[in-house]
Protein backbone atom coordinates (compact mmCIF):
# COMPACT_ATOMS: atom_id res chain seq x y z
CA MET A 1 164.80 139.96 116.32
CA SER A 2 163.97 137.65 119.02
CA GLN A 3 161.22 140.12 120.35
CA GLN A 4 159.52 140.22 117.00
CA GLN A 5 159.57 136.36 116.89
CA LEU A 6 158.14 136.20 120.15
CA ARG A 7 155.22 138.24 118.84
CA GLU A 8 154.92 136.09 116.05
CA ALA A 9 154.58 133.07 118.17
CA HIS A 10 152.21 134.92 120.40
CA GLU A 11 149.98 135.67 117.29
CA LEU A 12 150.33 131.90 116.33
CA ILE A 13 149.14 130.78 119.77
CA GLU A 14 146.39 133.09 119.74
CA GLN A 15 145.10 131.88 116.34
CA GLY A 16 145.23 128.37 117.96
CA ARG A 17 148.14 127.35 115.47
CA ILE A 18 150.01 125.85 118.42
CA ASN A 19 152.42 123.33 116.49
CA GLN A 20 153.47 126.28 114.47
CA ALA A 21 154.21 128.53 117.25
CA ARG A 22 155.93 125.75 119.05
CA GLN A 23 158.25 125.10 115.80
CA LEU A 24 159.14 128.77 116.02
CA LEU A 25 159.67 128.96 119.63
CA GLN A 26 162.09 125.75 119.57
CA THR A 27 164.37 127.94 117.02
CA LEU A 28 164.76 130.77 119.76
CA ASP A 29 167.56 130.85 122.06
CA ASP A 30 165.65 133.14 124.62
CA PRO A 31 164.55 132.53 128.36
CA THR A 32 160.94 133.85 127.32
CA ALA A 33 160.64 131.29 124.43
CA LYS A 34 161.76 128.60 126.57
CA GLN A 35 159.13 129.41 129.26
CA TRP A 36 156.42 129.55 126.79
CA LEU A 37 157.72 126.31 125.00
CA ALA A 38 157.54 124.73 128.52
CA GLN A 39 153.94 126.13 129.05
CA LEU A 40 152.65 124.85 125.75
CA ASN A 41 154.41 121.46 126.21
CA ALA A 42 152.62 121.14 129.83
CA ALA A 43 149.39 122.26 128.47
CA LYS A 44 149.59 119.49 125.65
CA ARG A 45 147.25 116.89 126.90
CA PRO A 46 146.38 113.76 125.02
CA ARG A 47 143.10 113.77 123.53
CA LYS A 48 140.34 111.69 124.89
CA GLN A 49 139.37 109.39 122.12
CA ALA A 50 135.71 108.94 121.71
CA MET A 51 134.30 105.47 122.24
CA SER A 52 134.03 104.35 118.75
CA VAL A 53 132.27 101.14 117.86
CA PRO A 54 133.28 99.36 114.62
CA LEU A 55 130.74 99.34 111.63
CA PRO A 56 130.61 95.69 111.33
CA LEU A 57 129.83 95.37 114.82
CA LEU A 58 126.93 97.92 114.70
CA ILE A 59 125.63 95.98 111.66
CA ALA A 60 125.94 92.70 113.54
CA LEU A 61 123.75 94.06 116.22
CA ALA A 62 121.24 95.38 114.22
CA LEU A 63 120.93 92.13 112.48
CA LEU A 64 120.62 90.42 115.82
CA ILE A 65 117.98 92.72 116.90
CA GLY A 66 116.04 92.52 113.72
CA ILE A 67 116.17 88.72 113.51
CA GLY A 68 115.07 88.58 117.40
CA ALA A 69 112.26 90.73 116.43
CA LEU A 70 111.44 88.20 113.70
CA ILE A 71 111.32 85.44 115.97
CA VAL A 72 108.89 87.03 118.23
CA ILE A 73 106.48 88.08 115.53
CA ILE A 74 106.78 84.43 114.25
CA LEU A 75 106.09 82.86 117.70
CA LEU A 76 103.19 85.31 118.52
CA THR A 77 101.43 85.35 115.54
CA PRO A 78 99.51 82.20 115.84
CA THR A 79 98.51 83.32 119.51
CA LEU A 80 97.59 86.57 118.29
CA VAL A 81 95.37 85.07 115.19
CA LYS A 82 93.88 82.50 117.82
CA ARG A 83 92.97 85.50 120.03
CA ILE A 84 91.58 87.59 117.18
CA GLN A 85 89.46 84.68 116.01
CA THR A 86 88.17 84.17 119.55
CA ASN A 87 87.19 87.51 120.46
CA ALA A 88 85.45 88.24 116.85
CA ALA A 89 83.78 85.29 116.44
CA PRO A 90 80.08 85.82 117.55
CA THR A 91 79.09 83.17 115.06
CA ALA A 92 81.18 80.48 116.65
CA ASN A 93 78.14 78.77 118.12
CA PRO A 94 75.22 79.49 115.56
CA GLN A 95 72.80 77.78 117.73
CA LEU A 96 73.38 80.06 120.62
CA VAL A 97 73.26 83.01 118.24
CA THR A 98 69.83 81.83 117.20
CA GLU A 99 68.66 81.58 120.69
CA LEU A 100 69.96 84.74 121.80
CA THR A 101 68.36 86.47 118.56
CA TYR A 102 65.01 84.58 119.26
CA PHE A 103 65.15 85.61 123.08
CA CYS A 104 65.71 89.22 122.30
CA THR A 105 63.22 89.40 119.47
CA GLN A 106 60.59 88.22 121.94
CA ALA A 107 61.56 90.55 124.75
CA LYS A 108 62.16 93.67 122.17
CA GLY A 109 60.70 92.86 119.11
CA ALA A 110 63.54 93.92 116.73
CA ASN A 111 67.14 95.53 116.10
CA CYS A 112 68.87 92.86 118.42
CA ASP A 113 72.08 92.43 116.19
CA SER A 114 74.06 94.57 118.63
CA TRP A 115 72.77 93.10 121.73
CA VAL A 116 73.57 89.50 120.32
CA GLN A 117 76.97 90.69 119.16
CA THR A 118 77.74 92.19 122.78
CA VAL A 119 76.54 89.23 124.57
CA MET A 120 78.62 86.86 122.14
CA THR A 121 81.90 88.87 122.43
CA GLN A 122 81.69 89.83 126.04
CA TYR A 123 79.34 87.28 128.05
CA GLN A 124 79.53 84.05 125.71
CA SER A 125 80.17 81.87 128.61
CA ALA A 126 77.33 83.10 130.56
CA ALA A 127 74.86 82.86 127.53
CA VAL A 128 76.10 79.27 127.33
CA LEU A 129 75.15 78.53 130.90
CA CYS A 130 71.91 80.51 130.81
CA PHE A 131 70.74 78.83 127.38
CA GLY A 132 70.97 75.36 128.47
CA PRO A 133 68.56 72.94 127.30
CA SER A 134 65.98 72.90 130.56
CA SER A 135 65.88 76.88 130.83
CA ASP A 136 62.67 78.61 129.96
CA ARG A 137 62.73 82.38 129.20
CA LEU A 138 62.14 83.52 132.45
CA ALA A 139 64.94 81.72 133.87
CA ARG A 140 67.30 82.79 130.94
CA ALA A 141 66.33 86.38 131.61
CA GLY A 142 67.29 85.97 135.49
CA CYS A 143 70.43 84.23 134.58
CA LEU A 144 71.44 86.60 132.42
CA ALA A 145 70.98 89.48 134.43
CA ASN A 146 72.86 87.71 137.28
CA ALA A 147 76.01 87.15 135.06
CA GLY A 148 75.75 90.98 134.47
CA VAL A 149 74.54 90.85 130.77
CA PRO A 150 72.94 94.21 129.90
CA PRO A 151 69.06 93.97 129.35
CA THR A 152 67.82 93.66 125.75
């Protein structure tokens, strides 16, 4: 009888049903059963619990990150709008645009819009200096060339 119960316990262990095997082995008064039971108890290790974070803490963290991102967006928006307006405002100085267009038209004849746009977006400070009140056409051309402005 004991041998059959040991076989049953062995099958339970093989199937991974350790608790049932342990219960069966505890009912047996057999040295092999006691040895197996000791081995099962020695092999019994406490499970490591996975690091779990409570859901409310995760929600609070997500909200905190979202609020932080919103604050950054709100604080940066005026700066970005100002930068966009500064970079994309070739008509911010209409007199300079007119003078650049006239200068280009005299040198090239026509189709000066892209050149004026380039000068106003990339070389506006140099153009302001080169198109001062006392500059003549030759002086303006030399000034623009020295500033690295591409020719018309």
